Amino acid sequence: MSTTKELFAAMTVAVSEDPSLAKKFRGSIVFQMDDGEAIFVDFKATPAMVQTLESSKPPKADLTVKTNLKTMQLLLTKKLTPQQAFMKRKLKLKGNMGLAMKLNALLAATRKQLPTSKL
């Protein structure tokens, strides 16, 4: 499927090309992967900003999502919903649960930006 860098690149393009996401979220999200990589998505900024985090201490966000690459791949292929991942403890959430309920919109926008397999 895709690597963490490809996934974050697709999410960056999705956020920059879909201004309606900022209206839906109105908050900030940090995605922390098990491999140590993280991305900060700030929908409060105009335009919405996506930043790859280098430091081990991410900025304060309204919602923090902790997961691994395999779970993100399952979410993006619709083999797992965010709610299922949370209930199976494959997705850890901290912060504003209202934002967490809207993760499907961000995943759908990211899904459109990922390269498709020609198999």
N, C-alpha and C. Protein backbone atom coordinates (compact mmCIF):
# COMPACT_ATOMS: atom_id res chain seq x y z
N MET A 1 0.84 -1.19 0.00
CA MET A 1 0.00 0.00 0.00
C MET A 1 0.88 1.23 0.00
N SER A 2 0.83 2.04 1.03
CA SER A 2 1.58 3.28 1.06
C SER A 2 2.37 3.39 2.36
N THR A 3 3.38 4.25 2.31
CA THR A 3 4.19 4.49 3.49
C THR A 3 3.59 5.65 4.28
N THR A 4 4.15 5.88 5.45
CA THR A 4 3.68 6.99 6.27
C THR A 4 3.87 8.31 5.55
N LYS A 5 5.01 8.47 4.88
CA LYS A 5 5.28 9.73 4.15
C LYS A 5 4.27 9.94 3.02
N GLU A 6 3.94 8.88 2.28
CA GLU A 6 2.95 9.00 1.21
C GLU A 6 1.57 9.35 1.77
N LEU A 7 1.23 8.72 2.87
CA LEU A 7 -0.05 8.98 3.52
C LEU A 7 -0.15 10.44 3.96
N PHE A 8 0.92 10.93 4.61
CA PHE A 8 0.92 12.32 5.06
C PHE A 8 0.93 13.30 3.88
N ALA A 9 1.60 12.95 2.80
CA ALA A 9 1.61 13.80 1.61
C ALA A 9 0.20 13.89 1.01
N ALA A 10 -0.49 12.76 0.96
CA ALA A 10 -1.87 12.75 0.44
C ALA A 10 -2.78 13.58 1.34
N MET A 11 -2.57 13.49 2.65
CA MET A 11 -3.38 14.26 3.58
C MET A 11 -3.12 15.76 3.42
N THR A 12 -1.87 16.12 3.16
CA THR A 12 -1.51 17.52 2.93
C THR A 12 -2.23 18.07 1.70
N VAL A 13 -2.22 17.30 0.62
CA VAL A 13 -2.89 17.72 -0.61
C VAL A 13 -4.40 17.81 -0.38
N ALA A 14 -4.95 16.84 0.31
CA ALA A 14 -6.40 16.82 0.57
C ALA A 14 -6.83 18.05 1.35
N VAL A 15 -6.08 18.42 2.37
CA VAL A 15 -6.43 19.58 3.19
C VAL A 15 -6.30 20.87 2.39
N SER A 16 -5.26 20.97 1.58
CA SER A 16 -5.05 22.21 0.82
C SER A 16 -6.06 22.37 -0.32
N GLU A 17 -6.55 21.26 -0.87
CA GLU A 17 -7.47 21.34 -2.01
C GLU A 17 -8.94 21.36 -1.62
N ASP A 18 -9.27 21.07 -0.38
CA ASP A 18 -10.67 21.02 0.04
C ASP A 18 -10.93 21.98 1.19
N PRO A 19 -11.27 23.24 0.89
CA PRO A 19 -11.50 24.22 1.95
C PRO A 19 -12.72 23.90 2.81
N SER A 20 -13.61 23.04 2.34
CA SER A 20 -14.79 22.69 3.14
C SER A 20 -14.40 21.89 4.39
N LEU A 21 -13.23 21.24 4.36
CA LEU A 21 -12.78 20.50 5.54
C LEU A 21 -12.56 21.43 6.73
N ALA A 22 -12.03 22.62 6.46
CA ALA A 22 -11.77 23.58 7.53
C ALA A 22 -13.08 24.01 8.20
N LYS A 23 -14.13 24.13 7.41
CA LYS A 23 -15.43 24.51 7.97
C LYS A 23 -16.00 23.40 8.84
N LYS A 24 -15.73 22.15 8.47
CA LYS A 24 -16.24 21.01 9.25
C LYS A 24 -15.49 20.83 10.55
N PHE A 25 -14.17 21.01 10.52
CA PHE A 25 -13.36 20.68 11.69
C PHE A 25 -13.20 21.84 12.68
N ARG A 26 -12.75 22.98 12.23
CA ARG A 26 -12.53 24.14 13.11
C ARG A 26 -11.73 23.77 14.36
N GLY A 27 -10.65 23.07 14.15
CA GLY A 27 -9.79 22.66 15.26
C GLY A 27 -8.47 22.16 14.72
N SER A 28 -7.66 21.61 15.60
CA SER A 28 -6.36 21.08 15.18
C SER A 28 -6.24 19.62 15.61
N ILE A 29 -5.53 18.86 14.78
CA ILE A 29 -5.38 17.43 15.00
C ILE A 29 -3.91 17.05 14.86
N VAL A 30 -3.41 16.22 15.75
CA VAL A 30 -2.08 15.63 15.61
C VAL A 30 -2.27 14.15 15.38
N PHE A 31 -1.69 13.64 14.29
CA PHE A 31 -1.66 12.21 14.02
C PHE A 31 -0.27 11.71 14.39
N GLN A 32 -0.18 10.83 15.37
CA GLN A 32 1.09 10.26 15.79
C GLN A 32 1.11 8.78 15.40
N MET A 33 2.13 8.41 14.64
CA MET A 33 2.26 7.02 14.20
C MET A 33 3.22 6.30 15.13
N ASP A 34 3.09 4.98 15.20
CA ASP A 34 3.96 4.17 16.04
C ASP A 34 5.42 4.23 15.62
N ASP A 35 5.67 4.53 14.34
CA ASP A 35 7.06 4.60 13.87
C ASP A 35 7.75 5.91 14.24
N GLY A 36 7.06 6.76 15.00
CA GLY A 36 7.65 8.01 15.47
C GLY A 36 7.32 9.23 14.62
N GLU A 37 6.75 9.03 13.45
CA GLU A 37 6.39 10.16 12.60
C GLU A 37 5.06 10.75 13.06
N ALA A 38 4.92 12.06 12.84
CA ALA A 38 3.70 12.74 13.26
C ALA A 38 3.39 13.87 12.28
N ILE A 39 2.12 14.21 12.21
CA ILE A 39 1.69 15.32 11.37
C ILE A 39 0.70 16.16 12.17
N PHE A 40 0.78 17.48 12.00
CA PHE A 40 -0.09 18.43 12.69
C PHE A 40 -0.97 19.07 11.63
N VAL A 41 -2.27 18.92 11.78
CA VAL A 41 -3.24 19.51 10.85
C VAL A 41 -3.99 20.60 11.61
N ASP A 42 -3.84 21.84 11.16
CA ASP A 42 -4.46 22.98 11.84
C ASP A 42 -5.53 23.58 10.95
N PHE A 43 -6.79 23.28 11.27
CA PHE A 43 -7.91 23.82 10.51
C PHE A 43 -8.31 25.20 11.00
N LYS A 44 -7.72 25.66 12.11
CA LYS A 44 -8.01 27.00 12.61
C LYS A 44 -7.30 28.06 11.77
N ALA A 45 -6.16 27.70 11.19
CA ALA A 45 -5.40 28.64 10.36
C ALA A 45 -6.13 28.87 9.04
N THR A 46 -5.89 30.03 8.45
CA THR A 46 -6.50 30.34 7.16
C THR A 46 -5.39 30.62 6.16
N PRO A 47 -5.18 29.81 5.16
CA PRO A 47 -5.83 28.54 4.89
C PRO A 47 -5.34 27.45 5.85
N ALA A 48 -6.03 26.33 5.84
CA ALA A 48 -5.67 25.21 6.73
C ALA A 48 -4.22 24.82 6.48
N MET A 49 -3.53 24.46 7.56
CA MET A 49 -2.10 24.19 7.49
C MET A 49 -1.82 22.75 7.89
N VAL A 50 -0.89 22.11 7.18
CA VAL A 50 -0.44 20.77 7.52
C VAL A 50 1.07 20.83 7.69
N GLN A 51 1.56 20.28 8.78
CA GLN A 51 2.98 20.37 9.08
C GLN A 51 3.48 19.02 9.59
N THR A 52 4.54 18.51 8.99
CA THR A 52 5.17 17.28 9.48
C THR A 52 6.00 17.65 10.70
N LEU A 53 5.85 16.88 11.75
CA LEU A 53 6.54 17.19 13.00
C LEU A 53 7.84 16.39 13.12
N GLU A 54 8.89 17.09 13.46
CA GLU A 54 10.19 16.46 13.62
C GLU A 54 10.49 16.15 15.09
N SER A 55 9.99 16.97 15.98
CA SER A 55 10.31 16.80 17.40
C SER A 55 9.44 15.72 18.03
N SER A 56 9.91 15.21 19.15
CA SER A 56 9.15 14.15 19.84
C SER A 56 7.96 14.72 20.60
N LYS A 57 7.96 16.02 20.87
CA LYS A 57 6.85 16.64 21.60
C LYS A 57 6.01 17.46 20.62
N PRO A 58 4.84 16.95 20.24
CA PRO A 58 3.99 17.67 19.29
C PRO A 58 3.33 18.89 19.95
N PRO A 59 2.89 19.87 19.14
CA PRO A 59 2.20 21.03 19.70
C PRO A 59 0.85 20.64 20.29
N LYS A 60 0.30 21.49 21.10
CA LYS A 60 -1.01 21.27 21.71
C LYS A 60 -2.07 21.28 20.62
N ALA A 61 -2.86 20.22 20.59
CA ALA A 61 -3.90 20.10 19.57
C ALA A 61 -5.23 19.81 20.24
N ASP A 62 -6.32 20.09 19.52
CA ASP A 62 -7.66 19.80 20.04
C ASP A 62 -7.91 18.30 20.09
N LEU A 63 -7.27 17.55 19.18
CA LEU A 63 -7.43 16.11 19.13
C LEU A 63 -6.09 15.47 18.77
N THR A 64 -5.72 14.43 19.51
CA THR A 64 -4.52 13.66 19.20
C THR A 64 -4.95 12.25 18.84
N VAL A 65 -4.48 11.78 17.69
CA VAL A 65 -4.81 10.45 17.20
C VAL A 65 -3.52 9.64 17.16
N LYS A 66 -3.48 8.54 17.90
CA LYS A 66 -2.30 7.67 17.89
C LYS A 66 -2.69 6.33 17.27
N THR A 67 -1.89 5.90 16.29
CA THR A 67 -2.16 4.64 15.61
C THR A 67 -0.89 4.14 14.92
N ASN A 68 -1.04 3.11 14.11
CA ASN A 68 0.10 2.61 13.34
C ASN A 68 -0.25 2.64 11.85
N LEU A 69 0.74 2.40 11.02
CA LEU A 69 0.55 2.48 9.57
C LEU A 69 -0.47 1.47 9.07
N LYS A 70 -0.43 0.26 9.58
CA LYS A 70 -1.36 -0.79 9.12
C LYS A 70 -2.81 -0.37 9.39
N THR A 71 -3.08 0.19 10.56
CA THR A 71 -4.44 0.64 10.88
C THR A 71 -4.86 1.78 9.96
N MET A 72 -3.95 2.72 9.69
CA MET A 72 -4.29 3.82 8.78
C MET A 72 -4.60 3.28 7.38
N GLN A 73 -3.85 2.28 6.95
CA GLN A 73 -4.11 1.68 5.64
C GLN A 73 -5.49 1.03 5.61
N LEU A 74 -5.86 0.35 6.69
CA LEU A 74 -7.18 -0.27 6.77
C LEU A 74 -8.28 0.79 6.76
N LEU A 75 -8.05 1.91 7.45
CA LEU A 75 -9.02 3.00 7.47
C LEU A 75 -9.19 3.60 6.07
N LEU A 76 -8.09 3.77 5.36
CA LEU A 76 -8.14 4.39 4.04
C LEU A 76 -8.71 3.48 2.97
N THR A 77 -8.66 2.17 3.19
CA THR A 77 -9.25 1.24 2.23
C THR A 77 -10.68 0.84 2.62
N LYS A 78 -11.19 1.46 3.64
CA LYS A 78 -12.55 1.24 4.14
C LYS A 78 -12.76 -0.17 4.68
N LYS A 79 -11.69 -0.85 5.06
CA LYS A 79 -11.82 -2.16 5.67
C LYS A 79 -12.04 -2.04 7.17
N LEU A 80 -11.91 -0.82 7.67
CA LEU A 80 -12.08 -0.52 9.09
C LEU A 80 -12.57 0.91 9.20
N THR A 81 -13.55 1.15 10.06
CA THR A 81 -14.01 2.52 10.30
C THR A 81 -13.29 3.07 11.53
N PRO A 82 -13.22 4.39 11.67
CA PRO A 82 -12.60 4.95 12.86
C PRO A 82 -13.25 4.45 14.15
N GLN A 83 -14.56 4.27 14.12
CA GLN A 83 -15.26 3.79 15.31
C GLN A 83 -14.84 2.36 15.65
N GLN A 84 -14.72 1.50 14.65
CA GLN A 84 -14.27 0.12 14.88
C GLN A 84 -12.84 0.10 15.40
N ALA A 85 -11.99 0.92 14.80
CA ALA A 85 -10.59 0.97 15.22
C ALA A 85 -10.48 1.42 16.68
N PHE A 86 -11.30 2.38 17.06
CA PHE A 86 -11.30 2.87 18.44
C PHE A 86 -11.76 1.77 19.40
N MET A 87 -12.83 1.07 19.03
CA MET A 87 -13.36 0.01 19.90
C MET A 87 -12.39 -1.16 20.01
N LYS A 88 -11.60 -1.42 18.97
CA LYS A 88 -10.61 -2.50 19.00
C LYS A 88 -9.27 -2.04 19.58
N ARG A 89 -9.23 -0.79 20.02
CA ARG A 89 -8.03 -0.18 20.61
C ARG A 89 -6.86 -0.11 19.64
N LYS A 90 -7.17 0.01 18.36
CA LYS A 90 -6.13 0.19 17.36
C LYS A 90 -5.93 1.67 17.06
N LEU A 91 -6.83 2.48 17.58
CA LEU A 91 -6.81 3.92 17.39
C LEU A 91 -7.02 4.54 18.76
N LYS A 92 -6.05 5.32 19.21
CA LYS A 92 -6.17 5.96 20.51
C LYS A 92 -6.43 7.44 20.30
N LEU A 93 -7.45 7.94 20.98
CA LEU A 93 -7.85 9.33 20.83
C LEU A 93 -7.73 10.06 22.16
N LYS A 94 -7.29 11.31 22.08
CA LYS A 94 -7.22 12.14 23.27
C LYS A 94 -7.64 13.55 22.86
N GLY A 95 -8.63 14.07 23.55
CA GLY A 95 -9.07 15.43 23.24
C GLY A 95 -10.53 15.49 22.85
N ASN A 96 -10.84 16.37 21.93
CA ASN A 96 -12.20 16.68 21.50
C ASN A 96 -12.82 15.53 20.71
N MET A 97 -13.75 14.84 21.31
CA MET A 97 -14.38 13.70 20.65
C MET A 97 -15.32 14.14 19.52
N GLY A 98 -15.77 15.38 19.56
CA GLY A 98 -16.57 15.90 18.46
C GLY A 98 -15.77 15.93 17.16
N LEU A 99 -14.49 16.30 17.27
CA LEU A 99 -13.61 16.27 16.09
C LEU A 99 -13.36 14.84 15.65
N ALA A 100 -13.22 13.95 16.61
CA ALA A 100 -12.96 12.54 16.29
C ALA A 100 -14.10 11.95 15.47
N MET A 101 -15.32 12.37 15.74
CA MET A 101 -16.48 11.86 15.01
C MET A 101 -16.47 12.32 13.55
N LYS A 102 -15.67 13.32 13.23
CA LYS A 102 -15.60 13.84 11.87
C LYS A 102 -14.40 13.32 11.09
N LEU A 103 -13.67 12.39 11.66
CA LEU A 103 -12.47 11.87 11.00
C LEU A 103 -12.76 11.23 9.64
N ASN A 104 -13.96 10.68 9.47
CA ASN A 104 -14.31 10.06 8.19
C ASN A 104 -14.19 11.05 7.03
N ALA A 105 -14.55 12.31 7.26
CA ALA A 105 -14.45 13.32 6.20
C ALA A 105 -13.01 13.54 5.78
N LEU A 106 -12.11 13.61 6.74
CA LEU A 106 -10.69 13.80 6.44
C LEU A 106 -10.11 12.55 5.76
N LEU A 107 -10.51 11.38 6.22
CA LEU A 107 -10.04 10.14 5.60
C LEU A 107 -10.53 10.02 4.17
N ALA A 108 -11.77 10.41 3.91
CA ALA A 108 -12.33 10.34 2.56
C ALA A 108 -11.58 11.28 1.62
N ALA A 109 -11.27 12.48 2.08
CA ALA A 109 -10.52 13.43 1.26
C ALA A 109 -9.11 12.92 1.01
N THR A 110 -8.50 12.32 2.01
CA THR A 110 -7.15 11.76 1.85
C THR A 110 -7.16 10.57 0.90
N ARG A 111 -8.18 9.75 1.01
CA ARG A 111 -8.33 8.56 0.15
C ARG A 111 -8.31 8.95 -1.33
N LYS A 112 -8.94 10.07 -1.66
CA LYS A 112 -9.01 10.52 -3.05
C LYS A 112 -7.64 10.92 -3.58
N GLN A 113 -6.73 11.32 -2.69
CA GLN A 113 -5.42 11.80 -3.11
C GLN A 113 -4.36 10.71 -3.18
N LEU A 114 -4.64 9.54 -2.62
CA LEU A 114 -3.66 8.47 -2.64
C LEU A 114 -3.55 7.87 -4.03
N PRO A 115 -2.34 7.48 -4.43
CA PRO A 115 -2.20 6.82 -5.74
C PRO A 115 -2.96 5.50 -5.74
N THR A 116 -3.63 5.21 -6.84
CA THR A 116 -4.40 3.97 -6.93
C THR A 116 -3.56 2.87 -7.57
N SER A 117 -3.78 1.67 -7.11
CA SER A 117 -3.07 0.50 -7.64
C SER A 117 -3.72 0.08 -8.95
N LYS A 118 -2.92 -0.35 -9.90
CA LYS A 118 -3.44 -0.76 -11.21
C LYS A 118 -3.46 -2.27 -11.34
N LEU A 119 -3.65 -2.97 -10.24
CA LEU A 119 -3.70 -4.43 -10.29
C LEU A 119 -5.09 -4.91 -10.62
